[in-house]
Each structure stands twice: as C-alpha cells, then as structure tokens.
Amino acid sequence: MDTRTRLGIGVAAVAVAVLAIGLGTYAAFTDTEDGPGGQVSSGTLDLTVGSNADKVLFNQANIAPGFSTTVTVDVRNAGSVPGTVTGSLTATGSDVTCTEPEAEAEKVAANACAAGGNLQDEMTVQVVSGPGVGTAGAAVPLRTFVQSPLPSGPLGAGATGTYTLTFALPSSADNKVQDDRITVGSTFTLNQS
C-alpha cells in the first residue's frame, strides 16, 4: 500500500473515532418539565350613586324661613379596586313670580325682580358627614357651596359611603326669596386610589 492510501485510511480512522467519541458524549438521559404559570387580570372601578329609584336629591315646595331638611346620598364602589370619591353640587335659580313684597324687598319695580332669584343666596348647605369628613362643616350659602367640591374620601372595593347634607333656609331670610326656585344637581366621581 502506498503512503497516500495509508494516510487516507489513517485520517478516515481518526475521523470515525472522533465521531464515535462525540456521539458518545451526547448520549445521556434528559428530562423536560413545565414551570409554574399563571394569569393576570385587571380590576374594576364602578361607582353607583343611590339606586335607580332615588335619582332625586329632594323636592320641597312652599318652603319658608326656618325650613330645614337633611338628605343622604349613598355612593358605592361596586368595583374590585379601592378608589377616592368626590362630588359636587350645581344650582340654578329662577324667580317664578315677582310678588309685591319681593319687589319691595329687592327695591325694584313690580315684575322686575332678579331673574335668577335670591333663594340660592339665602339657602345654606352643610356637609354633616360623608367619605373623608371628620367633623361636620359649617353651613354656607348654596351659591358659595357649589363653587367647591364636596369633601373627598376613600371608598374601598365593595364599600358604600353616605354623604349627609343639610339644606336650610334660615329664619333671617326675607321677602327677596318669595316664589323663587332652585334646581339642584349632583355629580360624583370615583378615581382609583
């Protein structure tokens, strides 16, 4: 055999040996397992105010100086995450008729009374309790009250809070408020804490 053939057979033998050794190192036991998994889901924030049946804060007719009424508004976080609730009131006044005593009290001609009425200047609102209320606040005129929000406070998931408000027409109110009307509205907001 010539040198070239011997060299070729030698290289081939070495290659077969290396290949056999390499295959032998990769021939081992293996095992694969799944690791722990899971899910993630978002929570909810859902504010309900009162019930569908009580969408009226209050209705009163023929009030006079000395009138007072206390109303409650339930706010509920029907969601699964905590929030902070706040609210506000709106008031729109009108003068239904301009009676003679009212015109005299306003010092205007008959039927020239203030178009927006004067009741919102005389009627007061007091926050007695509610989310975030430690002690009852002072009674302030409705016109002033609507310029600021109600006190805000925490409302946990599934929790209900109750705002208690007292509306009053003090005994000191005069004829300027005769036959005036106020339409009161409310809005509440729940923000994630």
Protein backbone atom coordinates (compact mmCIF):
# COMPACT_ATOMS: atom_id res chain seq x y z
CA MET A 1 0.00 0.00 0.00
CA ASP A 2 1.29 3.30 -0.87
CA THR A 3 1.71 6.19 1.52
CA ARG A 4 -1.21 8.11 0.22
CA THR A 5 -3.64 5.28 0.77
CA ARG A 6 -2.26 4.62 4.24
CA LEU A 7 -2.59 8.30 5.05
CA GLY A 8 -6.20 8.38 3.76
CA ILE A 9 -7.13 5.28 5.77
CA GLY A 10 -5.48 6.81 8.87
CA VAL A 11 -7.37 10.11 8.52
CA ALA A 12 -10.62 8.21 7.99
CA ALA A 13 -9.98 6.07 11.05
CA VAL A 14 -9.26 9.15 13.17
CA ALA A 15 -12.46 10.86 11.89
CA VAL A 16 -14.56 7.75 12.71
CA ALA A 17 -13.01 7.61 16.19
CA VAL A 18 -13.67 11.33 16.84
CA LEU A 19 -17.23 10.94 15.60
CA ALA A 20 -17.81 7.91 17.86
CA ILE A 21 -16.43 9.78 20.90
CA GLY A 22 -18.57 12.86 20.12
CA LEU A 23 -21.75 10.85 19.76
CA GLY A 24 -21.00 9.08 22.98
CA THR A 25 -20.84 12.37 24.94
CA TYR A 26 -24.28 13.47 23.73
CA ALA A 27 -25.93 10.20 24.56
CA ALA A 28 -27.28 10.96 28.10
CA PHE A 29 -30.60 10.95 29.92
CA THR A 30 -32.77 14.10 29.57
CA ASP A 31 -35.95 15.31 31.22
CA THR A 32 -38.09 18.40 30.46
CA GLU A 33 -40.76 19.77 32.81
CA ASP A 34 -43.14 22.75 32.60
CA GLY A 35 -42.54 25.51 35.17
CA PRO A 36 -45.27 27.31 37.08
CA GLY A 37 -47.64 29.53 35.07
CA GLY A 38 -50.36 31.98 35.96
CA GLN A 39 -52.82 34.61 34.86
CA VAL A 40 -53.20 38.31 35.34
CA SER A 41 -56.47 40.21 35.12
CA SER A 42 -57.37 43.84 35.65
CA GLY A 43 -59.66 45.01 38.43
CA THR A 44 -62.71 47.22 38.13
CA LEU A 45 -63.74 50.60 39.43
CA ASP A 46 -67.52 51.11 39.27
CA LEU A 47 -69.34 53.89 41.10
CA THR A 48 -73.05 53.66 41.83
CA VAL A 49 -74.96 56.55 43.37
CA GLY A 50 -78.10 55.72 45.28
CA SER A 51 -80.39 53.34 43.49
CA ASN A 52 -82.26 53.69 40.22
CA ALA A 53 -85.33 54.65 42.25
CA ASP A 54 -83.75 57.54 44.16
CA LYS A 55 -82.36 59.85 41.49
CA VAL A 56 -83.98 62.83 43.23
CA LEU A 57 -81.92 64.57 45.91
CA PHE A 58 -85.05 66.19 47.35
CA ASN A 59 -88.21 68.01 46.28
CA GLN A 60 -89.77 70.61 48.54
CA ALA A 61 -92.42 73.18 47.72
CA ASN A 62 -93.65 76.19 49.69
CA ILE A 63 -90.63 76.41 51.98
CA ALA A 64 -90.37 79.42 54.28
CA PRO A 65 -87.75 80.92 56.57
CA GLY A 66 -86.92 78.35 59.24
CA PHE A 67 -87.11 75.41 56.79
CA SER A 68 -84.52 72.64 57.13
CA THR A 69 -84.14 69.18 55.61
CA THR A 70 -81.40 66.60 55.84
CA VAL A 71 -80.75 64.35 52.85
CA THR A 72 -78.43 61.41 52.33
CA VAL A 73 -76.71 60.22 49.18
CA ASP A 74 -75.21 56.72 49.12
CA VAL A 75 -72.14 56.22 46.94
CA ARG A 76 -70.88 52.67 46.39
CA ASN A 77 -67.72 51.32 44.84
CA ALA A 78 -69.14 48.25 43.11
CA GLY A 79 -65.69 47.52 41.70
CA SER A 80 -62.80 45.36 42.89
CA VAL A 81 -60.14 48.05 43.45
CA PRO A 82 -60.19 50.89 46.02
CA GLY A 83 -60.91 54.45 44.98
CA THR A 84 -61.34 58.00 46.18
CA VAL A 85 -64.79 59.52 45.77
CA THR A 86 -65.62 63.18 45.39
CA GLY A 87 -68.70 65.04 44.30
CA SER A 88 -70.15 68.41 43.53
CA LEU A 89 -73.49 70.16 43.51
CA THR A 90 -74.90 72.53 40.92
CA ALA A 91 -77.68 75.03 41.47
CA THR A 92 -79.70 77.06 39.02
CA GLY A 93 -82.04 79.67 40.41
CA SER A 94 -85.11 81.30 38.95
CA ASP A 95 -87.75 83.78 40.05
CA VAL A 96 -91.13 82.21 39.32
CA THR A 97 -93.19 85.33 40.04
CA CYS A 98 -92.31 88.75 41.38
CA THR A 99 -94.71 89.38 44.23
CA GLU A 100 -95.21 92.89 45.62
CA PRO A 101 -93.39 92.10 48.91
CA GLU A 102 -90.49 90.59 46.93
CA ALA A 103 -90.18 93.63 44.62
CA GLU A 104 -90.21 95.94 47.64
CA ALA A 105 -87.53 93.86 49.42
CA GLU A 106 -85.36 93.90 46.28
CA LYS A 107 -86.08 97.63 45.87
CA VAL A 108 -87.15 97.20 42.24
CA ALA A 109 -90.28 97.98 40.24
CA ALA A 110 -93.10 95.45 40.20
CA ASN A 111 -92.28 92.45 37.97
CA ALA A 112 -88.59 93.47 37.83
CA CYS A 113 -87.27 91.04 40.43
CA ALA A 114 -83.90 89.31 39.94
CA ALA A 115 -84.36 86.80 37.11
CA GLY A 116 -82.16 84.23 38.84
CA GLY A 117 -83.97 84.66 42.12
CA ASN A 118 -82.36 85.11 45.51
CA LEU A 119 -83.05 81.75 47.13
CA GLN A 120 -79.59 80.32 46.39
CA ASP A 121 -78.05 83.31 48.22
CA GLU A 122 -80.10 82.65 51.36
CA MET A 123 -80.43 78.84 51.42
CA THR A 124 -77.49 77.16 53.18
CA VAL A 125 -75.87 73.75 52.79
CA GLN A 126 -73.90 71.91 55.44
CA VAL A 127 -71.93 68.68 54.94
CA VAL A 128 -72.75 66.71 58.09
CA SER A 129 -70.89 63.50 57.20
CA GLY A 130 -69.50 61.56 54.30
CA PRO A 131 -66.37 59.90 52.93
CA GLY A 132 -63.40 61.94 54.12
CA VAL A 133 -65.49 64.06 56.53
CA GLY A 134 -64.15 64.06 60.09
CA THR A 135 -66.46 66.66 61.59
CA ALA A 136 -69.46 68.47 60.19
CA GLY A 137 -68.62 71.58 58.20
CA ALA A 138 -70.15 75.00 58.62
CA ALA A 139 -73.37 75.86 56.78
CA VAL A 140 -72.64 78.11 53.80
CA PRO A 141 -74.91 79.75 51.21
CA LEU A 142 -75.75 77.40 48.36
CA ARG A 143 -74.33 79.86 45.79
CA THR A 144 -70.94 79.65 47.58
CA PHE A 145 -71.15 75.91 48.25
CA VAL A 146 -71.47 74.94 44.58
CA GLN A 147 -68.15 76.65 43.77
CA SER A 148 -66.16 73.92 45.59
CA PRO A 149 -66.33 70.13 45.51
CA LEU A 150 -67.75 68.00 48.27
CA PRO A 151 -65.09 66.54 50.58
CA SER A 152 -63.33 63.56 49.03
CA GLY A 153 -62.56 60.33 50.80
CA PRO A 154 -61.56 56.72 50.36
CA LEU A 155 -64.04 54.14 49.16
CA GLY A 156 -62.74 50.57 49.30
CA ALA A 157 -63.70 47.84 46.87
CA GLY A 158 -67.33 46.90 47.53
CA ALA A 159 -67.69 49.67 50.13
CA THR A 160 -70.53 52.16 50.50
CA GLY A 161 -70.20 55.69 51.84
CA THR A 162 -73.00 58.08 52.68
CA TYR A 163 -72.92 61.84 52.28
CA THR A 164 -75.32 63.58 54.67
CA LEU A 165 -76.23 67.16 53.72
CA THR A 166 -78.50 69.64 55.49
CA PHE A 167 -80.25 72.27 53.38
CA ALA A 168 -81.81 75.16 55.33
CA LEU A 169 -83.50 78.49 54.76
CA PRO A 170 -82.52 80.46 57.87
CA SER A 171 -85.13 82.37 59.83
CA SER A 172 -83.30 85.55 58.83
CA ALA A 173 -84.26 85.13 55.14
CA ASP A 174 -86.53 87.93 53.95
CA ASN A 175 -89.11 88.59 51.25
CA LYS A 176 -86.47 88.52 48.48
CA VAL A 177 -86.81 84.73 48.31
CA GLN A 178 -90.59 84.64 47.80
CA ASP A 179 -91.62 82.29 44.96
CA ASP A 180 -88.02 81.66 43.92
CA ARG A 181 -86.96 78.21 42.73
CA ILE A 182 -83.65 76.36 42.74
CA THR A 183 -82.85 73.30 40.66
CA VAL A 184 -80.10 71.31 42.34
CA GLY A 185 -77.96 68.69 40.60
CA SER A 186 -75.17 66.44 41.80
CA THR A 187 -72.22 64.65 40.22
CA PHE A 188 -69.93 62.11 41.85
CA THR A 189 -66.59 60.75 40.65
CA LEU A 190 -64.60 57.74 41.80
CA ASN A 191 -60.87 57.68 40.98
CA GLN A 192 -58.55 54.75 41.54
CA SER A 193 -56.52 55.19 44.75
